[in-house]
């Protein structure tokens, strides 16, 4: 039987990765090469390796830093990135007018 944490992780990562820079880069590389299987294997291994690093670091960090602090820090980081994107988008629209 598949565990709840597996399903939760799979769905979270799947939704987060759809349409992001990595997928667009993979699309571009695949479109410019005649080797889609090589692109698939390369991009899949890269995602697996990046996830492996995240799991290792997450396990290490959680021993020294409370999980709630990591979650709040990540939320604040994403909030800052979002605000910066909104501000830069507004500036670009103002300059185009």
PDB file of N, CA and C in Angstrom:
ATOM      1  N   UNK A   1       0.845  -1.184   0.000  1.00  0.00           N
ATOM      2  CA  UNK A   1       0.000   0.000   0.000  1.00  0.00           C
ATOM      3  C   UNK A   1       0.890   1.248   0.000  1.00  0.00           C
ATOM      4  N   UNK A   2       0.478   2.248  -0.750  1.00  0.00           N
ATOM      5  CA  UNK A   2       1.249   3.482  -0.854  1.00  0.00           C
ATOM      6  C   UNK A   2       0.937   4.365   0.350  1.00  0.00           C
ATOM      7  N   UNK A   3       1.988   4.885   0.974  1.00  0.00           N
ATOM      8  CA  UNK A   3       1.797   5.697   2.167  1.00  0.00           C
ATOM      9  C   UNK A   3       1.293   7.098   1.829  1.00  0.00           C
ATOM     10  N   UNK A   4       0.678   7.719   2.812  1.00  0.00           N
ATOM     11  CA  UNK A   4       0.141   9.070   2.646  1.00  0.00           C
ATOM     12  C   UNK A   4       1.257  10.070   2.373  1.00  0.00           C
ATOM     13  N   UNK A   5       2.416   9.904   3.019  1.00  0.00           N
ATOM     14  CA  UNK A   5       3.523  10.842   2.800  1.00  0.00           C
ATOM     15  C   UNK A   5       4.054  10.735   1.373  1.00  0.00           C
ATOM     16  N   UNK A   6       4.056   9.519   0.813  1.00  0.00           N
ATOM     17  CA  UNK A   6       4.479   9.340  -0.577  1.00  0.00           C
ATOM     18  C   UNK A   6       3.536  10.071  -1.524  1.00  0.00           C
ATOM     19  N   UNK A   7       2.235   9.873  -1.338  1.00  0.00           N
ATOM     20  CA  UNK A   7       1.246  10.518  -2.206  1.00  0.00           C
ATOM     21  C   UNK A   7       1.306  12.031  -2.058  1.00  0.00           C
ATOM     22  N   UNK A   8       1.419  12.508  -0.829  1.00  0.00           N
ATOM     23  CA  UNK A   8       1.506  13.948  -0.572  1.00  0.00           C
ATOM     24  C   UNK A   8       2.747  14.551  -1.231  1.00  0.00           C
ATOM     25  N   UNK A   9       3.877  13.888  -1.070  1.00  0.00           N
ATOM     26  CA  UNK A   9       5.122  14.373  -1.672  1.00  0.00           C
ATOM     27  C   UNK A   9       5.032  14.369  -3.187  1.00  0.00           C
ATOM     28  N   UNK A  10       4.540  13.279  -3.749  1.00  0.00           N
ATOM     29  CA  UNK A  10       4.416  13.170  -5.207  1.00  0.00           C
ATOM     30  C   UNK A  10       3.551  14.283  -5.768  1.00  0.00           C
ATOM     31  N   UNK A  11       2.377  14.476  -5.189  1.00  0.00           N
ATOM     32  CA  UNK A  11       1.464  15.499  -5.704  1.00  0.00           C
ATOM     33  C   UNK A  11       2.012  16.906  -5.519  1.00  0.00           C
ATOM     34  N   UNK A  12       2.644  17.160  -4.384  1.00  0.00           N
ATOM     35  CA  UNK A  12       3.209  18.489  -4.131  1.00  0.00           C
ATOM     36  C   UNK A  12       4.306  18.816  -5.139  1.00  0.00           C
ATOM     37  N   UNK A  13       5.223  17.884  -5.342  1.00  0.00           N
ATOM     38  CA  UNK A  13       6.332  18.116  -6.279  1.00  0.00           C
ATOM     39  C   UNK A  13       5.819  18.181  -7.712  1.00  0.00           C
ATOM     40  N   UNK A  14       4.873  17.327  -8.069  1.00  0.00           N
ATOM     41  CA  UNK A  14       4.321  17.349  -9.424  1.00  0.00           C
ATOM     42  C   UNK A  14       3.705  18.701  -9.740  1.00  0.00           C
ATOM     43  N   UNK A  15       2.865  19.202  -8.848  1.00  0.00           N
ATOM     44  CA  UNK A  15       2.210  20.497  -9.075  1.00  0.00           C
ATOM     45  C   UNK A  15       3.237  21.629  -9.076  1.00  0.00           C
ATOM     46  N   UNK A  16       4.222  21.557  -8.175  1.00  0.00           N
ATOM     47  CA  UNK A  16       5.232  22.616  -8.090  1.00  0.00           C
ATOM     48  C   UNK A  16       6.116  22.657  -9.334  1.00  0.00           C
ATOM     49  N   UNK A  17       6.368  21.508  -9.932  1.00  0.00           N
ATOM     50  CA  UNK A  17       7.282  21.451 -11.070  1.00  0.00           C
ATOM     51  C   UNK A  17       6.614  21.725 -12.413  1.00  0.00           C
ATOM     52  N   UNK A  18       5.310  21.599 -12.490  1.00  0.00           N
ATOM     53  CA  UNK A  18       4.626  21.840 -13.768  1.00  0.00           C
ATOM     54  C   UNK A  18       4.774  23.297 -14.187  1.00  0.00           C
ATOM     55  N   UNK A  19       5.297  23.502 -15.362  1.00  0.00           N
ATOM     56  CA  UNK A  19       5.412  24.841 -15.907  1.00  0.00           C
ATOM     57  C   UNK A  19       6.506  25.700 -15.311  1.00  0.00           C
ATOM     58  N   UNK A  20       7.407  25.126 -14.533  1.00  0.00           N
ATOM     59  CA  UNK A  20       8.479  25.941 -13.958  1.00  0.00           C
ATOM     60  C   UNK A  20       9.644  26.039 -14.949  1.00  0.00           C
ATOM     61  N   UNK A  21      10.685  26.748 -14.537  1.00  0.00           N
ATOM     62  CA  UNK A  21      11.841  26.966 -15.423  1.00  0.00           C
ATOM     63  C   UNK A  21      12.489  25.667 -15.855  1.00  0.00           C
ATOM     64  N   UNK A  22      12.511  24.678 -14.981  1.00  0.00           N
ATOM     65  CA  UNK A  22      13.128  23.402 -15.315  1.00  0.00           C
ATOM     66  C   UNK A  22      12.373  22.716 -16.444  1.00  0.00           C
ATOM     67  N   UNK A  23      11.066  22.723 -16.361  1.00  0.00           N
ATOM     68  CA  UNK A  23      10.279  22.081 -17.414  1.00  0.00           C
ATOM     69  C   UNK A  23      10.420  22.835 -18.734  1.00  0.00           C
ATOM     70  N   UNK A  24      10.457  24.137 -18.688  1.00  0.00           N
ATOM     71  CA  UNK A  24      10.630  24.935 -19.909  1.00  0.00           C
ATOM     72  C   UNK A  24      12.012  24.681 -20.514  1.00  0.00           C
ATOM     73  N   UNK A  25      13.036  24.600 -19.660  1.00  0.00           N
ATOM     74  CA  UNK A  25      14.383  24.297 -20.153  1.00  0.00           C
ATOM     75  C   UNK A  25      14.432  22.906 -20.786  1.00  0.00           C
ATOM     76  N   UNK A  26      13.788  21.936 -20.150  1.00  0.00           N
ATOM     77  CA  UNK A  26      13.746  20.584 -20.700  1.00  0.00           C
ATOM     78  C   UNK A  26      13.031  20.574 -22.042  1.00  0.00           C
ATOM     79  N   UNK A  27      11.942  21.312 -22.135  1.00  0.00           N
ATOM     80  CA  UNK A  27      11.211  21.426 -23.391  1.00  0.00           C
ATOM     81  C   UNK A  27      12.089  22.021 -24.488  1.00  0.00           C
ATOM     82  N   UNK A  28      12.830  23.071 -24.144  1.00  0.00           N
ATOM     83  CA  UNK A  28      13.703  23.728 -25.120  1.00  0.00           C
ATOM     84  C   UNK A  28      14.822  22.798 -25.571  1.00  0.00           C
ATOM     85  N   UNK A  29      15.434  22.101 -24.628  1.00  0.00           N
ATOM     86  CA  UNK A  29      16.528  21.188 -24.986  1.00  0.00           C
ATOM     87  C   UNK A  29      15.997  20.044 -25.837  1.00  0.00           C
ATOM     88  N   UNK A  30      14.857  19.509 -25.465  1.00  0.00           N
ATOM     89  CA  UNK A  30      14.267  18.404 -26.218  1.00  0.00           C
ATOM     90  C   UNK A  30      13.893  18.839 -27.631  1.00  0.00           C
ATOM     91  N   UNK A  31      13.386  20.050 -27.743  1.00  0.00           N
ATOM     92  CA  UNK A  31      13.001  20.561 -29.053  1.00  0.00           C
ATOM     93  C   UNK A  31      14.182  20.826 -29.971  1.00  0.00           C
ATOM     94  N   UNK A  32      15.343  21.089 -29.391  1.00  0.00           N
ATOM     95  CA  UNK A  32      16.518  21.393 -30.213  1.00  0.00           C
ATOM     96  C   UNK A  32      17.432  20.193 -30.401  1.00  0.00           C
ATOM     97  N   UNK A  33      17.047  19.042 -29.871  1.00  0.00           N
ATOM     98  CA  UNK A  33      17.872  17.852 -30.064  1.00  0.00           C
ATOM     99  C   UNK A  33      17.031  16.755 -30.697  1.00  0.00           C
ATOM    100  N   UNK A  34      17.703  15.791 -31.228  1.00  0.00           N
ATOM    101  CA  UNK A  34      17.014  14.647 -31.810  1.00  0.00           C
ATOM    102  C   UNK A  34      17.077  13.448 -30.876  1.00  0.00           C
ATOM    103  N   UNK A  35      17.318  13.692 -29.609  1.00  0.00           N
ATOM    104  CA  UNK A  35      17.469  12.610 -28.641  1.00  0.00           C
ATOM    105  C   UNK A  35      16.578  12.849 -27.419  1.00  0.00           C
ATOM    106  N   UNK A  36      15.260  12.704 -27.590  1.00  0.00           N
ATOM    107  CA  UNK A  36      14.352  12.969 -26.472  1.00  0.00           C
ATOM    108  C   UNK A  36      14.564  12.025 -25.285  1.00  0.00           C
ATOM    109  N   UNK A  37      14.959  10.782 -25.547  1.00  0.00           N
ATOM    110  CA  UNK A  37      15.195   9.848 -24.438  1.00  0.00           C
ATOM    111  C   UNK A  37      16.372  10.310 -23.585  1.00  0.00           C
ATOM    112  N   UNK A  38      17.433  10.794 -24.221  1.00  0.00           N
ATOM    113  CA  UNK A  38      18.592  11.299 -23.478  1.00  0.00           C
ATOM    114  C   UNK A  38      18.208  12.520 -22.646  1.00  0.00           C
ATOM    115  N   UNK A  39      17.383  13.390 -23.210  1.00  0.00           N
ATOM    116  CA  UNK A  39      16.931  14.580 -22.478  1.00  0.00           C
ATOM    117  C   UNK A  39      16.066  14.152 -21.291  1.00  0.00           C
ATOM    118  N   UNK A  40      15.174  13.176 -21.509  1.00  0.00           N
ATOM    119  CA  UNK A  40      14.324  12.683 -20.429  1.00  0.00           C
ATOM    120  C   UNK A  40      15.164  12.080 -19.303  1.00  0.00           C
ATOM    121  N   UNK A  41      16.103  11.237 -19.645  1.00  0.00           N
ATOM    122  CA  UNK A  41      16.936  10.592 -18.628  1.00  0.00           C
ATOM    123  C   UNK A  41      17.786  11.627 -17.899  1.00  0.00           C
ATOM    124  N   UNK A  42      18.389  12.546 -18.645  1.00  0.00           N
ATOM    125  CA  UNK A  42      19.217  13.579 -18.023  1.00  0.00           C
ATOM    126  C   UNK A  42      18.425  14.476 -17.084  1.00  0.00           C
ATOM    127  N   UNK A  43      17.255  14.927 -17.530  1.00  0.00           N
ATOM    128  CA  UNK A  43      16.456  15.814 -16.674  1.00  0.00           C
ATOM    129  C   UNK A  43      15.877  15.050 -15.486  1.00  0.00           C
ATOM    130  N   UNK A  44      15.516  13.806 -15.687  1.00  0.00           N
ATOM    131  CA  UNK A  44      14.994  12.991 -14.573  1.00  0.00           C
ATOM    132  C   UNK A  44      16.057  12.759 -13.512  1.00  0.00           C
ATOM    133  N   UNK A  45      17.266  12.405 -13.949  1.00  0.00           N
ATOM    134  CA  UNK A  45      18.353  12.188 -12.994  1.00  0.00           C
ATOM    135  C   UNK A  45      18.714  13.476 -12.259  1.00  0.00           C
ATOM    136  N   UNK A  46      18.660  14.595 -12.963  1.00  0.00           N
ATOM    137  CA  UNK A  46      18.954  15.875 -12.312  1.00  0.00           C
ATOM    138  C   UNK A  46      17.921  16.180 -11.220  1.00  0.00           C
ATOM    139  N   UNK A  47      16.643  15.929 -11.506  1.00  0.00           N
ATOM    140  CA  UNK A  47      15.607  16.165 -10.506  1.00  0.00           C
ATOM    141  C   UNK A  47      15.758  15.213  -9.324  1.00  0.00           C
ATOM    142  N   UNK A  48      16.093  13.950  -9.620  1.00  0.00           N
ATOM    143  CA  UNK A  48      16.303  12.975  -8.541  1.00  0.00           C
ATOM    144  C   UNK A  48      17.476  13.406  -7.668  1.00  0.00           C
ATOM    145  N   UNK A  49      18.565  13.839  -8.285  1.00  0.00           N
ATOM    146  CA  UNK A  49      19.747  14.268  -7.536  1.00  0.00           C
ATOM    147  C   UNK A  49      19.450  15.510  -6.694  1.00  0.00           C
ATOM    148  N   UNK A  50      18.744  16.479  -7.288  1.00  0.00           N
ATOM    149  CA  UNK A  50      18.383  17.691  -6.543  1.00  0.00           C
ATOM    150  C   UNK A  50      17.464  17.347  -5.369  1.00  0.00           C
ATOM    151  N   UNK A  51      16.542  16.420  -5.588  1.00  0.00           N
ATOM    152  CA  UNK A  51      15.659  15.992  -4.504  1.00  0.00           C
ATOM    153  C   UNK A  51      16.440  15.271  -3.412  1.00  0.00           C
ATOM    154  N   UNK A  52      17.403  14.460  -3.813  1.00  0.00           N
ATOM    155  CA  UNK A  52      18.255  13.739  -2.858  1.00  0.00           C
ATOM    156  C   UNK A  52      19.008  14.732  -1.967  1.00  0.00           C
ATOM    157  N   UNK A  53      19.557  15.779  -2.577  1.00  0.00           N
ATOM    158  CA  UNK A  53      20.263  16.806  -1.798  1.00  0.00           C
ATOM    159  C   UNK A  53      19.286  17.478  -0.825  1.00  0.00           C
ATOM    160  N   UNK A  54      18.077  17.777  -1.299  1.00  0.00           N
ATOM    161  CA  UNK A  54      17.073  18.392  -0.432  1.00  0.00           C
ATOM    162  C   UNK A  54      16.705  17.506   0.746  1.00  0.00           C
ATOM    163  N   UNK A  55      16.563  16.214   0.497  1.00  0.00           N
ATOM    164  CA  UNK A  55      16.227  15.276   1.573  1.00  0.00           C
ATOM    165  C   UNK A  55      17.370  15.191   2.579  1.00  0.00           C
ATOM    166  N   UNK A  56      18.605  15.111   2.082  1.00  0.00           N
ATOM    167  CA  UNK A  56      19.757  15.049   2.987  1.00  0.00           C
ATOM    168  C   UNK A  56      19.869  16.304   3.841  1.00  0.00           C
ATOM    169  N   UNK A  57      19.761  17.460   3.195  1.00  0.00           N
ATOM    170  CA  UNK A  57      19.866  18.716   3.932  1.00  0.00           C
ATOM    171  C   UNK A  57      18.687  18.912   4.869  1.00  0.00           C
ATOM    172  N   UNK A  58      17.495  18.522   4.419  1.00  0.00           N
ATOM    173  CA  UNK A  58      16.315  18.658   5.267  1.00  0.00           C
ATOM    174  C   UNK A  58      16.431  17.829   6.528  1.00  0.00           C
ATOM    175  N   UNK A  59      16.933  16.603   6.377  1.00  0.00           N
ATOM    176  CA  UNK A  59      17.123  15.753   7.542  1.00  0.00           C
ATOM    177  C   UNK A  59      18.176  16.304   8.476  1.00  0.00           C
ATOM    178  N   UNK A  60      19.248  16.855   7.916  1.00  0.00           N
ATOM    179  CA  UNK A  60      20.314  17.428   8.739  1.00  0.00           C
ATOM    180  C   UNK A  60      19.859  18.699   9.440  1.00  0.00           C
ATOM    181  N   UNK A  61      19.173  19.575   8.699  1.00  0.00           N
ATOM    182  CA  UNK A  61      18.716  20.832   9.279  1.00  0.00           C
ATOM    183  C   UNK A  61      17.712  20.597  10.401  1.00  0.00           C
ATOM    184  N   UNK A  62      16.857  19.593  10.219  1.00  0.00           N
ATOM    185  CA  UNK A  62      15.807  19.369  11.214  1.00  0.00           C
ATOM    186  C   UNK A  62      16.365  18.887  12.553  1.00  0.00           C
ATOM    187  N   UNK A  63      17.601  18.400  12.553  1.00  0.00           N
ATOM    188  CA  UNK A  63      18.222  17.989  13.815  1.00  0.00           C
ATOM    189  C   UNK A  63      18.643  19.197  14.648  1.00  0.00           C
ATOM    190  N   UNK A  64      18.940  20.311  13.975  1.00  0.00           N
ATOM    191  CA  UNK A  64      19.451  21.496  14.661  1.00  0.00           C
ATOM    192  C   UNK A  64      18.470  22.663  14.676  1.00  0.00           C
ATOM    193  N   UNK A  65      17.584  22.694  13.684  1.00  0.00           N
ATOM    194  CA  UNK A  65      16.647  23.812  13.547  1.00  0.00           C
ATOM    195  C   UNK A  65      15.229  23.251  13.579  1.00  0.00           C
ATOM    196  N   UNK A  66      14.348  23.823  14.375  1.00  0.00           N
ATOM    197  CA  UNK A  66      12.971  23.324  14.434  1.00  0.00           C
ATOM    198  C   UNK A  66      12.275  23.393  13.069  1.00  0.00           C
ATOM    199  N   UNK A  67      11.477  22.378  12.756  1.00  0.00           N
ATOM    200  CA  UNK A  67      10.777  22.312  11.475  1.00  0.00           C
ATOM    201  C   UNK A  67       9.890  23.530  11.260  1.00  0.00           C
ATOM    202  N   UNK A  68       9.236  23.992  12.308  1.00  0.00           N
ATOM    203  CA  UNK A  68       8.354  25.159  12.159  1.00  0.00           C
ATOM    204  C   UNK A  68       9.136  26.394  11.717  1.00  0.00           C
ATOM    205  N   UNK A  69      10.364  26.544  12.226  1.00  0.00           N
ATOM    206  CA  UNK A  69      11.198  27.673  11.812  1.00  0.00           C
ATOM    207  C   UNK A  69      11.558  27.568  10.327  1.00  0.00           C
ATOM    208  N   UNK A  70      11.889  26.355   9.869  1.00  0.00           N
ATOM    209  CA  UNK A  70      12.214  26.154   8.448  1.00  0.00           C
ATOM    210  C   UNK A  70      11.002  26.458   7.563  1.00  0.00           C
ATOM    211  N   UNK A  71       9.824  26.027   7.994  1.00  0.00           N
ATOM    212  CA  UNK A  71       8.612  26.284   7.218  1.00  0.00           C
ATOM    213  C   UNK A  71       8.300  27.771   7.158  1.00  0.00           C
ATOM    214  N   UNK A  72       8.419  28.459   8.280  1.00  0.00           N
ATOM    215  CA  UNK A  72       8.158  29.900   8.311  1.00  0.00           C
ATOM    216  C   UNK A  72       9.193  30.644   7.464  1.00  0.00           C
ATOM    217  N   UNK A  73      10.456  30.230   7.554  1.00  0.00           N
ATOM    218  CA  UNK A  73      11.519  30.860   6.757  1.00  0.00           C
ATOM    219  C   UNK A  73      11.255  30.672   5.261  1.00  0.00           C
ATOM    220  N   UNK A  74      10.855  29.471   4.874  1.00  0.00           N
ATOM    221  CA  UNK A  74      10.548  29.213   3.462  1.00  0.00           C
ATOM    222  C   UNK A  74       9.364  30.061   3.017  1.00  0.00           C
ATOM    223  N   UNK A  75       8.334  30.146   3.845  1.00  0.00           N
ATOM    224  CA  UNK A  75       7.157  30.944   3.499  1.00  0.00           C
ATOM    225  C   UNK A  75       7.524  32.416   3.333  1.00  0.00           C
ATOM    226  N   UNK A  76       8.333  32.936   4.229  1.00  0.00           N
ATOM    227  CA  UNK A  76       8.764  34.336   4.136  1.00  0.00           C
ATOM    228  C   UNK A  76       9.613  34.542   2.884  1.00  0.00           C
ATOM    229  N   UNK A  77      10.496  33.590   2.601  1.00  0.00           N
ATOM    230  CA  UNK A  77      11.328  33.680   1.395  1.00  0.00           C
ATOM    231  C   UNK A  77      10.484  33.723   0.127  1.00  0.00           C
ATOM    232  N   UNK A  78       9.485  32.834   0.038  1.00  0.00           N
ATOM    233  CA  UNK A  78       8.615  32.835  -1.132  1.00  0.00           C
ATOM    234  C   UNK A  78       7.783  34.113  -1.202  1.00  0.00           C
ATOM    235  N   UNK A  79       7.370  34.629  -0.065  1.00  0.00           N
ATOM    236  CA  UNK A  79       6.615  35.878  -0.030  1.00  0.00           C
ATOM    237  C   UNK A  79       7.469  37.035  -0.559  1.00  0.00           C
ATOM    238  N   UNK A  80       8.719  37.093  -0.139  1.00  0.00           N
ATOM    239  CA  UNK A  80       9.633  38.140  -0.612  1.00  0.00           C
ATOM    240  C   UNK A  80       9.850  38.023  -2.120  1.00  0.00           C
ATOM    241  N   UNK A  81      10.056  36.801  -2.598  1.00  0.00           N
ATOM    242  CA  UNK A  81      10.242  36.593  -4.035  1.00  0.00           C
ATOM    243  C   UNK A  81       8.991  37.043  -4.791  1.00  0.00           C
ATOM    244  N   UNK A  82       7.807  36.672  -4.281  1.00  0.00           N
ATOM    245  CA  UNK A  82       6.562  37.065  -4.935  1.00  0.00           C
ATOM    246  C   UNK A  82       6.378  38.566  -4.982  1.00  0.00           C
ATOM    247  N   UNK A  83       6.663  39.237  -3.879  1.00  0.00           N
ATOM    248  CA  UNK A  83       6.540  40.700  -3.841  1.00  0.00           C
ATOM    249  C   UNK A  83       7.523  41.342  -4.818  1.00  0.00           C
ATOM    250  N   UNK A  84       8.753  40.843  -4.847  1.00  0.00           N
ATOM    251  CA  UNK A  84       9.737  41.383  -5.794  1.00  0.00           C
ATOM    252  C   UNK A  84       9.291  41.184  -7.238  1.00  0.00           C
ATOM    253  N   UNK A  85       8.709  40.028  -7.544  1.00  0.00           N
ATOM    254  CA  UNK A  85       8.215  39.787  -8.899  1.00  0.00           C
ATOM    255  C   UNK A  85       7.073  40.735  -9.243  1.00  0.00           C
ATOM    256  N   UNK A  86       6.170  40.963  -8.288  1.00  0.00           N
ATOM    257  CA  UNK A  86       5.071  41.897  -8.539  1.00  0.00           C
ATOM    258  C   UNK A  86       5.583  43.315  -8.766  1.00  0.00           C
ATOM    259  N   UNK A  87       6.538  43.736  -7.956  1.00  0.00           N
ATOM    260  CA  UNK A  87       7.092  45.091  -8.089  1.00  0.00           C
ATOM    261  C   UNK A  87       7.805  45.244  -9.433  1.00  0.00           C
ATOM    262  N   UNK A  88       8.630  44.269  -9.797  1.00  0.00           N
ATOM    263  CA  UNK A  88       9.357  44.375 -11.067  1.00  0.00           C
ATOM    264  C   UNK A  88       8.403  44.289 -12.248  1.00  0.00           C
ATOM    265  N   UNK A  89       7.344  43.501 -12.119  1.00  0.00           N
ATOM    266  CA  UNK A  89       6.341  43.406 -13.188  1.00  0.00           C
ATOM    267  C   UNK A  89       5.628  44.739 -13.353  1.00  0.00           C
ATOM    268  N   UNK A  90       5.288  45.376 -12.237  1.00  0.00           N
ATOM    269  CA  UNK A  90       4.614  46.680 -12.283  1.00  0.00           C
ATOM    270  C   UNK A  90       5.525  47.718 -12.910  1.00  0.00           C
ATOM    271  N   UNK A  91       6.815  47.688 -12.561  1.00  0.00           N
ATOM    272  CA  UNK A  91       7.776  48.643 -13.151  1.00  0.00           C
ATOM    273  C   UNK A  91       7.894  48.433 -14.645  1.00  0.00           C
ATOM    274  N   UNK A  92       7.928  47.176 -15.106  1.00  0.00           N
ATOM    275  CA  UNK A  92       8.033  46.890 -16.539  1.00  0.00           C
ATOM    276  C   UNK A  92       6.797  47.365 -17.287  1.00  0.00           C
ATOM    277  N   UNK A  93       5.615  47.190 -16.709  1.00  0.00           N
ATOM    278  CA  UNK A  93       4.384  47.660 -17.346  1.00  0.00           C
ATOM    279  C   UNK A  93       4.354  49.178 -17.406  1.00  0.00           C
ATOM    280  N   UNK A  94       4.834  49.849 -16.361  1.00  0.00           N
ATOM    281  CA  UNK A  94       4.862  51.308 -16.336  1.00  0.00           C
ATOM    282  C   UNK A  94       5.832  51.838 -17.390  1.00  0.00           C
ATOM    283  N   UNK A  95       6.958  51.168 -17.571  1.00  0.00           N
ATOM    284  CA  UNK A  95       7.955  51.615 -18.561  1.00  0.00           C
ATOM    285  C   UNK A  95       7.482  51.386 -19.983  1.00  0.00           C
ATOM    286  N   UNK A  96       6.610  50.406 -20.206  1.00  0.00           N
ATOM    287  CA  UNK A  96       6.138  50.106 -21.551  1.00  0.00           C
ATOM    288  C   UNK A  96       5.060  51.066 -22.010  1.00  0.00           C
ATOM    289  N   UNK A  97       4.414  51.732 -21.074  1.00  0.00           N
ATOM    290  CA  UNK A  97       3.303  52.623 -21.436  1.00  0.00           C
ATOM    291  C   UNK A  97       3.782  53.933 -21.908  1.00  0.00           C
TER     292      UNK A  97
END
